[in-house]
Amino acid sequence: MLSCGDVVSGNNGDGVNTFAQYSCSSWDESGPELAYGFVLDGPEFVTVWLDGLTADLDLFVLEGSCHADACVTYGDEEASFRATPGTPYFF
């Protein structure tokens, strides 16, 4: 699990192709995914972003579960949302 301010790195080639589409978008998103999660103690406005990309990747925010139907927002390299305390979020 991540904490606010954490910086992590990864390679999507290390991921697994789990979902072909997310509920908050209408285009094909098949390909390997990596997921990171966190839970906040209080309400916060959160921004997550991808940096130093060498490929065209998209960022999805899932609320409550790590499932494509739980998508609340997405972005090319950045996504922002208001987090509910105690709710798990996955990117």
PDB file of N, CA and C in Angstrom:
ATOM      1  N   MET A   1       0.834  -1.175   0.000  1.00  0.00           N
ATOM      2  CA  MET A   1       0.000   0.000   0.000  1.00  0.00           C
ATOM      3  C   MET A   1       0.884   1.247   0.000  1.00  0.00           C
ATOM      4  N   LEU A   2       0.415   2.269  -0.695  1.00  0.00           N
ATOM      5  CA  LEU A   2       1.121   3.540  -0.768  1.00  0.00           C
ATOM      6  C   LEU A   2       0.673   4.475   0.347  1.00  0.00           C
ATOM      7  N   SER A   3       1.518   5.431   0.657  1.00  0.00           N
ATOM      8  CA  SER A   3       1.175   6.524   1.557  1.00  0.00           C
ATOM      9  C   SER A   3       1.319   7.817   0.782  1.00  0.00           C
ATOM     10  N   CYS A   4       0.710   8.891   1.262  1.00  0.00           N
ATOM     11  CA  CYS A   4       0.832  10.188   0.595  1.00  0.00           C
ATOM     12  C   CYS A   4       2.298  10.553   0.448  1.00  0.00           C
ATOM     13  N   GLY A   5       2.650  11.021  -0.734  1.00  0.00           N
ATOM     14  CA  GLY A   5       4.014  11.434  -1.005  1.00  0.00           C
ATOM     15  C   GLY A   5       4.930  10.323  -1.462  1.00  0.00           C
ATOM     16  N   ASP A   6       4.478   9.070  -1.418  1.00  0.00           N
ATOM     17  CA  ASP A   6       5.315   7.967  -1.879  1.00  0.00           C
ATOM     18  C   ASP A   6       5.580   8.074  -3.370  1.00  0.00           C
ATOM     19  N   VAL A   7       6.755   7.671  -3.762  1.00  0.00           N
ATOM     20  CA  VAL A   7       7.121   7.574  -5.167  1.00  0.00           C
ATOM     21  C   VAL A   7       7.512   6.124  -5.409  1.00  0.00           C
ATOM     22  N   VAL A   8       6.888   5.505  -6.386  1.00  0.00           N
ATOM     23  CA  VAL A   8       7.205   4.118  -6.728  1.00  0.00           C
ATOM     24  C   VAL A   8       7.522   4.041  -8.212  1.00  0.00           C
ATOM     25  N   SER A   9       8.235   3.023  -8.586  1.00  0.00           N
ATOM     26  CA  SER A   9       8.513   2.828 -10.005  1.00  0.00           C
ATOM     27  C   SER A   9       8.213   1.382 -10.363  1.00  0.00           C
ATOM     28  N   GLY A  10       7.902   1.193 -11.612  1.00  0.00           N
ATOM     29  CA  GLY A  10       7.596  -0.138 -12.091  1.00  0.00           C
ATOM     30  C   GLY A  10       7.659  -0.176 -13.596  1.00  0.00           C
ATOM     31  N   ASN A  11       7.469  -1.334 -14.131  1.00  0.00           N
ATOM     32  CA  ASN A  11       7.490  -1.555 -15.562  1.00  0.00           C
ATOM     33  C   ASN A  11       6.218  -2.304 -15.915  1.00  0.00           C
ATOM     34  N   ASN A  12       5.366  -1.719 -16.764  1.00  0.00           N
ATOM     35  CA  ASN A  12       4.094  -2.387 -17.056  1.00  0.00           C
ATOM     36  C   ASN A  12       4.317  -3.738 -17.728  1.00  0.00           C
ATOM     37  N   GLY A  13       5.496  -3.989 -18.261  1.00  0.00           N
ATOM     38  CA  GLY A  13       5.812  -5.299 -18.813  1.00  0.00           C
ATOM     39  C   GLY A  13       5.848  -6.377 -17.747  1.00  0.00           C
ATOM     40  N   ASP A  14       5.952  -5.956 -16.473  1.00  0.00           N
ATOM     41  CA  ASP A  14       5.927  -6.899 -15.359  1.00  0.00           C
ATOM     42  C   ASP A  14       4.500  -7.236 -14.944  1.00  0.00           C
ATOM     43  N   GLY A  15       3.510  -6.552 -15.510  1.00  0.00           N
ATOM     44  CA  GLY A  15       2.115  -6.740 -15.121  1.00  0.00           C
ATOM     45  C   GLY A  15       1.449  -7.882 -15.860  1.00  0.00           C
ATOM     46  N   VAL A  16       0.158  -8.026 -15.587  1.00  0.00           N
ATOM     47  CA  VAL A  16      -0.673  -9.063 -16.188  1.00  0.00           C
ATOM     48  C   VAL A  16      -1.850  -8.390 -16.882  1.00  0.00           C
ATOM     49  N   ASN A  17      -2.253  -8.877 -18.036  1.00  0.00           N
ATOM     50  CA  ASN A  17      -3.408  -8.331 -18.746  1.00  0.00           C
ATOM     51  C   ASN A  17      -4.677  -8.818 -18.047  1.00  0.00           C
ATOM     52  N   THR A  18      -5.221  -7.987 -17.169  1.00  0.00           N
ATOM     53  CA  THR A  18      -6.369  -8.362 -16.361  1.00  0.00           C
ATOM     54  C   THR A  18      -7.679  -7.835 -16.937  1.00  0.00           C
ATOM     55  N   PHE A  19      -7.704  -6.570 -17.387  1.00  0.00           N
ATOM     56  CA  PHE A  19      -8.925  -5.947 -17.889  1.00  0.00           C
ATOM     57  C   PHE A  19      -8.705  -5.424 -19.301  1.00  0.00           C
ATOM     58  N   ALA A  20      -9.715  -5.546 -20.147  1.00  0.00           N
ATOM     59  CA  ALA A  20      -9.654  -4.992 -21.501  1.00  0.00           C
ATOM     60  C   ALA A  20     -10.345  -3.634 -21.565  1.00  0.00           C
ATOM     61  N   GLN A  21     -11.220  -3.350 -20.592  1.00  0.00           N
ATOM     62  CA  GLN A  21     -11.945  -2.082 -20.581  1.00  0.00           C
ATOM     63  C   GLN A  21     -12.338  -1.745 -19.147  1.00  0.00           C
ATOM     64  N   TYR A  22     -12.427  -0.442 -18.866  1.00  0.00           N
ATOM     65  CA  TYR A  22     -12.820   0.054 -17.548  1.00  0.00           C
ATOM     66  C   TYR A  22     -14.167   0.758 -17.663  1.00  0.00           C
ATOM     67  N   SER A  23     -14.943   0.766 -16.575  1.00  0.00           N
ATOM     68  CA  SER A  23     -16.294   1.342 -16.608  1.00  0.00           C
ATOM     69  C   SER A  23     -16.304   2.843 -16.864  1.00  0.00           C
ATOM     70  N   CYS A  24     -15.207   3.548 -16.652  1.00  0.00           N
ATOM     71  CA  CYS A  24     -15.186   4.999 -16.835  1.00  0.00           C
ATOM     72  C   CYS A  24     -14.586   5.416 -18.185  1.00  0.00           C
ATOM     73  N   SER A  25     -14.336   4.470 -19.072  1.00  0.00           N
ATOM     74  CA  SER A  25     -13.842   4.809 -20.414  1.00  0.00           C
ATOM     75  C   SER A  25     -14.517   3.894 -21.435  1.00  0.00           C
ATOM     76  N   SER A  26     -14.430   4.279 -22.692  1.00  0.00           N
ATOM     77  CA  SER A  26     -15.134   3.503 -23.715  1.00  0.00           C
ATOM     78  C   SER A  26     -14.200   2.857 -24.733  1.00  0.00           C
ATOM     79  N   TRP A  27     -12.907   2.939 -24.525  1.00  0.00           N
ATOM     80  CA  TRP A  27     -11.974   2.376 -25.505  1.00  0.00           C
ATOM     81  C   TRP A  27     -11.257   1.152 -24.940  1.00  0.00           C
ATOM     82  N   ASP A  28     -10.621   0.408 -25.826  1.00  0.00           N
ATOM     83  CA  ASP A  28      -9.893  -0.800 -25.457  1.00  0.00           C
ATOM     84  C   ASP A  28      -8.673  -0.439 -24.623  1.00  0.00           C
ATOM     85  N   GLU A  29      -8.532  -1.066 -23.486  1.00  0.00           N
ATOM     86  CA  GLU A  29      -7.394  -0.841 -22.600  1.00  0.00           C
ATOM     87  C   GLU A  29      -6.672  -2.143 -22.279  1.00  0.00           C
ATOM     88  N   SER A  30      -6.706  -3.085 -23.223  1.00  0.00           N
ATOM     89  CA  SER A  30      -6.033  -4.351 -22.967  1.00  0.00           C
ATOM     90  C   SER A  30      -4.528  -4.133 -22.930  1.00  0.00           C
ATOM     91  N   GLY A  31      -3.875  -4.923 -22.160  1.00  0.00           N
ATOM     92  CA  GLY A  31      -2.429  -4.831 -21.989  1.00  0.00           C
ATOM     93  C   GLY A  31      -2.086  -5.088 -20.539  1.00  0.00           C
ATOM     94  N   PRO A  32      -0.838  -5.282 -20.251  1.00  0.00           N
ATOM     95  CA  PRO A  32      -0.476  -5.578 -18.860  1.00  0.00           C
ATOM     96  C   PRO A  32      -0.714  -4.383 -17.938  1.00  0.00           C
ATOM     97  N   GLU A  33      -1.212  -4.667 -16.732  1.00  0.00           N
ATOM     98  CA  GLU A  33      -1.470  -3.637 -15.734  1.00  0.00           C
ATOM     99  C   GLU A  33      -0.628  -3.894 -14.493  1.00  0.00           C
ATOM    100  N   LEU A  34      -0.235  -2.822 -13.863  1.00  0.00           N
ATOM    101  CA  LEU A  34       0.340  -2.851 -12.516  1.00  0.00           C
ATOM    102  C   LEU A  34      -0.610  -2.073 -11.633  1.00  0.00           C
ATOM    103  N   ALA A  35      -0.806  -2.500 -10.389  1.00  0.00           N
ATOM    104  CA  ALA A  35      -1.725  -1.799  -9.485  1.00  0.00           C
ATOM    105  C   ALA A  35      -1.038  -1.458  -8.174  1.00  0.00           C
ATOM    106  N   TYR A  36      -1.336  -0.265  -7.689  1.00  0.00           N
ATOM    107  CA  TYR A  36      -0.884   0.200  -6.388  1.00  0.00           C
ATOM    108  C   TYR A  36      -2.114   0.690  -5.643  1.00  0.00           C
ATOM    109  N   GLY A  37      -2.144   0.525  -4.324  1.00  0.00           N
ATOM    110  CA  GLY A  37      -3.321   0.929  -3.575  1.00  0.00           C
ATOM    111  C   GLY A  37      -2.988   1.754  -2.348  1.00  0.00           C
ATOM    112  N   PHE A  38      -4.004   2.465  -1.824  1.00  0.00           N
ATOM    113  CA  PHE A  38      -3.857   3.209  -0.577  1.00  0.00           C
ATOM    114  C   PHE A  38      -5.214   3.486   0.043  1.00  0.00           C
ATOM    115  N   VAL A  39      -5.196   3.800   1.344  1.00  0.00           N
ATOM    116  CA  VAL A  39      -6.379   4.170   2.118  1.00  0.00           C
ATOM    117  C   VAL A  39      -5.992   5.392   2.939  1.00  0.00           C
ATOM    118  N   LEU A  40      -6.845   6.419   2.938  1.00  0.00           N
ATOM    119  CA  LEU A  40      -6.586   7.633   3.726  1.00  0.00           C
ATOM    120  C   LEU A  40      -7.428   7.650   4.992  1.00  0.00           C
ATOM    121  N   ASP A  41      -6.894   8.299   6.034  1.00  0.00           N
ATOM    122  CA  ASP A  41      -7.618   8.424   7.303  1.00  0.00           C
ATOM    123  C   ASP A  41      -8.655   9.538   7.268  1.00  0.00           C
ATOM    124  N   GLY A  42      -8.445  10.561   6.437  1.00  0.00           N
ATOM    125  CA  GLY A  42      -9.355  11.695   6.354  1.00  0.00           C
ATOM    126  C   GLY A  42      -9.654  12.043   4.921  1.00  0.00           C
ATOM    127  N   PRO A  43     -10.667  12.867   4.663  1.00  0.00           N
ATOM    128  CA  PRO A  43     -11.002  13.244   3.288  1.00  0.00           C
ATOM    129  C   PRO A  43      -9.886  14.107   2.696  1.00  0.00           C
ATOM    130  N   GLU A  44      -9.502  13.818   1.495  1.00  0.00           N
ATOM    131  CA  GLU A  44      -8.420  14.545   0.822  1.00  0.00           C
ATOM    132  C   GLU A  44      -8.702  14.620  -0.669  1.00  0.00           C
ATOM    133  N   PHE A  45      -8.227  15.690  -1.292  1.00  0.00           N
ATOM    134  CA  PHE A  45      -8.203  15.779  -2.745  1.00  0.00           C
ATOM    135  C   PHE A  45      -6.871  15.179  -3.165  1.00  0.00           C
ATOM    136  N   VAL A  46      -6.908  14.163  -4.014  1.00  0.00           N
ATOM    137  CA  VAL A  46      -5.719  13.389  -4.371  1.00  0.00           C
ATOM    138  C   VAL A  46      -5.422  13.543  -5.857  1.00  0.00           C
ATOM    139  N   THR A  47      -4.155  13.708  -6.181  1.00  0.00           N
ATOM    140  CA  THR A  47      -3.694  13.681  -7.560  1.00  0.00           C
ATOM    141  C   THR A  47      -2.595  12.633  -7.667  1.00  0.00           C
ATOM    142  N   VAL A  48      -2.748  11.730  -8.620  1.00  0.00           N
ATOM    143  CA  VAL A  48      -1.720  10.722  -8.908  1.00  0.00           C
ATOM    144  C   VAL A  48      -1.266  10.936 -10.344  1.00  0.00           C
ATOM    145  N   TRP A  49       0.004  10.655 -10.610  1.00  0.00           N
ATOM    146  CA  TRP A  49       0.491  10.859 -11.969  1.00  0.00           C
ATOM    147  C   TRP A  49       1.590   9.869 -12.318  1.00  0.00           C
ATOM    148  N   LEU A  50       1.761   9.709 -13.612  1.00  0.00           N
ATOM    149  CA  LEU A  50       2.826   8.885 -14.179  1.00  0.00           C
ATOM    150  C   LEU A  50       3.886   9.829 -14.705  1.00  0.00           C
ATOM    151  N   ASP A  51       5.137   9.521 -14.448  1.00  0.00           N
ATOM    152  CA  ASP A  51       6.237  10.393 -14.830  1.00  0.00           C
ATOM    153  C   ASP A  51       7.338   9.553 -15.484  1.00  0.00           C
ATOM    154  N   GLY A  52       8.028  10.130 -16.427  1.00  0.00           N
ATOM    155  CA  GLY A  52       9.143   9.441 -17.064  1.00  0.00           C
ATOM    156  C   GLY A  52       8.715   8.290 -17.958  1.00  0.00           C
ATOM    157  N   LEU A  53       7.556   8.430 -18.603  1.00  0.00           N
ATOM    158  CA  LEU A  53       7.032   7.352 -19.440  1.00  0.00           C
ATOM    159  C   LEU A  53       7.858   7.170 -20.713  1.00  0.00           C
ATOM    160  N   THR A  54       8.013   5.919 -21.107  1.00  0.00           N
ATOM    161  CA  THR A  54       8.640   5.607 -22.389  1.00  0.00           C
ATOM    162  C   THR A  54       7.631   4.932 -23.316  1.00  0.00           C
ATOM    163  N   ALA A  55       6.372   4.843 -22.866  1.00  0.00           N
ATOM    164  CA  ALA A  55       5.293   4.253 -23.663  1.00  0.00           C
ATOM    165  C   ALA A  55       4.020   5.051 -23.404  1.00  0.00           C
ATOM    166  N   ASP A  56       3.006   4.885 -24.250  1.00  0.00           N
ATOM    167  CA  ASP A  56       1.722   5.567 -24.101  1.00  0.00           C
ATOM    168  C   ASP A  56       0.848   4.766 -23.129  1.00  0.00           C
ATOM    169  N   LEU A  57       0.907   5.132 -21.850  1.00  0.00           N
ATOM    170  CA  LEU A  57       0.140   4.443 -20.816  1.00  0.00           C
ATOM    171  C   LEU A  57      -0.990   5.337 -20.331  1.00  0.00           C
ATOM    172  N   ASP A  58      -2.016   4.727 -19.749  1.00  0.00           N
ATOM    173  CA  ASP A  58      -3.138   5.450 -19.163  1.00  0.00           C
ATOM    174  C   ASP A  58      -3.230   5.098 -17.689  1.00  0.00           C
ATOM    175  N   LEU A  59      -3.780   6.016 -16.914  1.00  0.00           N
ATOM    176  CA  LEU A  59      -3.894   5.868 -15.471  1.00  0.00           C
ATOM    177  C   LEU A  59      -5.371   5.776 -15.100  1.00  0.00           C
ATOM    178  N   PHE A  60      -5.748   4.754 -14.353  1.00  0.00           N
ATOM    179  CA  PHE A  60      -7.123   4.567 -13.907  1.00  0.00           C
ATOM    180  C   PHE A  60      -7.159   4.522 -12.387  1.00  0.00           C
ATOM    181  N   VAL A  61      -8.192   5.129 -11.787  1.00  0.00           N
ATOM    182  CA  VAL A  61      -8.386   5.112 -10.338  1.00  0.00           C
ATOM    183  C   VAL A  61      -9.622   4.255 -10.060  1.00  0.00           C
ATOM    184  N   LEU A  62      -9.438   3.220  -9.240  1.00  0.00           N
ATOM    185  CA  LEU A  62     -10.515   2.315  -8.865  1.00  0.00           C
ATOM    186  C   LEU A  62     -10.830   2.534  -7.390  1.00  0.00           C
ATOM    187  N   GLU A  63     -12.111   2.582  -7.058  1.00  0.00           N
ATOM    188  CA  GLU A  63     -12.547   2.871  -5.686  1.00  0.00           C
ATOM    189  C   GLU A  63     -13.208   1.649  -5.067  1.00  0.00           C
ATOM    190  N   GLY A  64     -12.706   1.221  -3.905  1.00  0.00           N
ATOM    191  CA  GLY A  64     -13.337   0.153  -3.144  1.00  0.00           C
ATOM    192  C   GLY A  64     -12.862  -1.240  -3.481  1.00  0.00           C
ATOM    193  N   SER A  65     -12.512  -1.490  -4.729  1.00  0.00           N
ATOM    194  CA  SER A  65     -12.011  -2.805  -5.126  1.00  0.00           C
ATOM    195  C   SER A  65     -11.146  -2.662  -6.366  1.00  0.00           C
ATOM    196  N   CYS A  66     -10.327  -3.639  -6.575  1.00  0.00           N
ATOM    197  CA  CYS A  66      -9.433  -3.632  -7.739  1.00  0.00           C
ATOM    198  C   CYS A  66     -10.134  -4.370  -8.879  1.00  0.00           C
ATOM    199  N   HIS A  67     -11.216  -3.752  -9.368  1.00  0.00           N
ATOM    200  CA  HIS A  67     -12.010  -4.336 -10.457  1.00  0.00           C
ATOM    201  C   HIS A  67     -12.385  -3.243 -11.445  1.00  0.00           C
ATOM    202  N   ALA A  68     -12.441  -3.548 -12.715  1.00  0.00           N
ATOM    203  CA  ALA A  68     -12.701  -2.567 -13.779  1.00  0.00           C
ATOM    204  C   ALA A  68     -14.010  -1.812 -13.592  1.00  0.00           C
ATOM    205  N   ASP A  69     -15.010  -2.421 -12.950  1.00  0.00           N
ATOM    206  CA  ASP A  69     -16.296  -1.753 -12.718  1.00  0.00           C
ATOM    207  C   ASP A  69     -16.226  -0.698 -11.614  1.00  0.00           C
ATOM    208  N   ALA A  70     -15.129  -0.659 -10.869  1.00  0.00           N
ATOM    209  CA  ALA A  70     -14.980   0.279  -9.759  1.00  0.00           C
ATOM    210  C   ALA A  70     -14.252   1.558 -10.176  1.00  0.00           C
ATOM    211  N   CYS A  71     -14.074   1.785 -11.469  1.00  0.00           N
ATOM    212  CA  CYS A  71     -13.335   2.945 -11.973  1.00  0.00           C
ATOM    213  C   CYS A  71     -14.110   4.238 -11.691  1.00  0.00           C
ATOM    214  N   VAL A  72     -13.411   5.220 -11.087  1.00  0.00           N
ATOM    215  CA  VAL A  72     -14.044   6.506 -10.791  1.00  0.00           C
ATOM    216  C   VAL A  72     -13.483   7.643 -11.633  1.00  0.00           C
ATOM    217  N   THR A  73     -12.262   7.507 -12.127  1.00  0.00           N
ATOM    218  CA  THR A  73     -11.684   8.524 -13.005  1.00  0.00           C
ATOM    219  C   THR A  73     -10.460   7.946 -13.707  1.00  0.00           C
ATOM    220  N   TYR A  74      -9.994   8.654 -14.711  1.00  0.00           N
ATOM    221  CA  TYR A  74      -8.821   8.206 -15.457  1.00  0.00           C
ATOM    222  C   TYR A  74      -8.135   9.417 -16.072  1.00  0.00           C
ATOM    223  N   GLY A  75      -6.957   9.196 -16.594  1.00  0.00           N
ATOM    224  CA  GLY A  75      -6.231  10.242 -17.288  1.00  0.00           C
ATOM    225  C   GLY A  75      -5.089   9.642 -18.089  1.00  0.00           C
ATOM    226  N   ASP A  76      -4.565  10.433 -19.007  1.00  0.00           N
ATOM    227  CA  ASP A  76      -3.421   9.975 -19.791  1.00  0.00           C
ATOM    228  C   ASP A  76      -2.205   9.768 -18.898  1.00  0.00           C
ATOM    229  N   GLU A  77      -1.847  10.784 -18.151  1.00  0.00           N
ATOM    230  CA  GLU A  77      -0.690  10.686 -17.268  1.00  0.00           C
ATOM    231  C   GLU A  77      -0.993  11.174 -15.854  1.00  0.00           C
ATOM    232  N   GLU A  78      -2.213  11.704 -15.629  1.00  0.00           N
ATOM    233  CA  GLU A  78      -2.573  12.259 -14.325  1.00  0.00           C
ATOM    234  C   GLU A  78      -4.073  12.091 -14.086  1.00  0.00           C
ATOM    235  N   ALA A  79      -4.438  11.858 -12.835  1.00  0.00           N
ATOM    236  CA  ALA A  79      -5.849  11.766 -12.459  1.00  0.00           C
ATOM    237  C   ALA A  79      -6.024  12.352 -11.064  1.00  0.00           C
ATOM    238  N   SER A  80      -7.106  13.103 -10.852  1.00  0.00           N
ATOM    239  CA  SER A  80      -7.404  13.719  -9.562  1.00  0.00           C
ATOM    240  C   SER A  80      -8.806  13.333  -9.121  1.00  0.00           C
ATOM    241  N   PHE A  81      -8.990  13.216  -7.805  1.00  0.00           N
ATOM    242  CA  PHE A  81     -10.292  12.833  -7.259  1.00  0.00           C
ATOM    243  C   PHE A  81     -10.334  13.164  -5.776  1.00  0.00           C
ATOM    244  N   ARG A  82     -11.521  13.218  -5.208  1.00  0.00           N
ATOM    245  CA  ARG A  82     -11.694  13.404  -3.770  1.00  0.00           C
ATOM    246  C   ARG A  82     -11.821  12.027  -3.140  1.00  0.00           C
ATOM    247  N   ALA A  83     -10.897  11.709  -2.240  1.00  0.00           N
ATOM    248  CA  ALA A  83     -10.880  10.400  -1.588  1.00  0.00           C
ATOM    249  C   ALA A  83     -11.742  10.416  -0.329  1.00  0.00           C
ATOM    250  N   THR A  84     -12.479   9.346  -0.139  1.00  0.00           N
ATOM    251  CA  THR A  84     -13.320   9.146   1.049  1.00  0.00           C
ATOM    252  C   THR A  84     -12.492   8.408   2.099  1.00  0.00           C
ATOM    253  N   PRO A  85     -12.499   8.879   3.367  1.00  0.00           N
ATOM    254  CA  PRO A  85     -11.710   8.218   4.404  1.00  0.00           C
ATOM    255  C   PRO A  85     -12.100   6.745   4.570  1.00  0.00           C
ATOM    256  N   GLY A  86     -11.082   5.909   4.752  1.00  0.00           N
ATOM    257  CA  GLY A  86     -11.303   4.487   4.989  1.00  0.00           C
ATOM    258  C   GLY A  86     -11.603   3.657   3.752  1.00  0.00           C
ATOM    259  N   THR A  87     -11.712   4.290   2.601  1.00  0.00           N
ATOM    260  CA  THR A  87     -12.024   3.578   1.355  1.00  0.00           C
ATOM    261  C   THR A  87     -10.729   3.235   0.632  1.00  0.00           C
ATOM    262  N   PRO A  88     -10.536   1.982   0.236  1.00  0.00           N
ATOM    263  CA  PRO A  88      -9.336   1.648  -0.525  1.00  0.00           C
ATOM    264  C   PRO A  88      -9.440   2.156  -1.964  1.00  0.00           C
ATOM    265  N   TYR A  89      -8.335   2.685  -2.473  1.00  0.00           N
ATOM    266  CA  TYR A  89      -8.235   3.139  -3.859  1.00  0.00           C
ATOM    267  C   TYR A  89      -7.064   2.419  -4.505  1.00  0.00           C
ATOM    268  N   PHE A  90      -7.239   2.102  -5.775  1.00  0.00           N
ATOM    269  CA  PHE A  90      -6.203   1.422  -6.550  1.00  0.00           C
ATOM    270  C   PHE A  90      -5.961   2.200  -7.821  1.00  0.00           C
ATOM    271  N   PHE A  91      -4.691   2.283  -8.248  1.00  0.00           N
ATOM    272  CA  PHE A  91      -4.307   2.981  -9.477  1.00  0.00           C
ATOM    273  C   PHE A  91      -3.784   1.982 -10.467  1.00  0.00           C
TER     274      PHE A  91
END
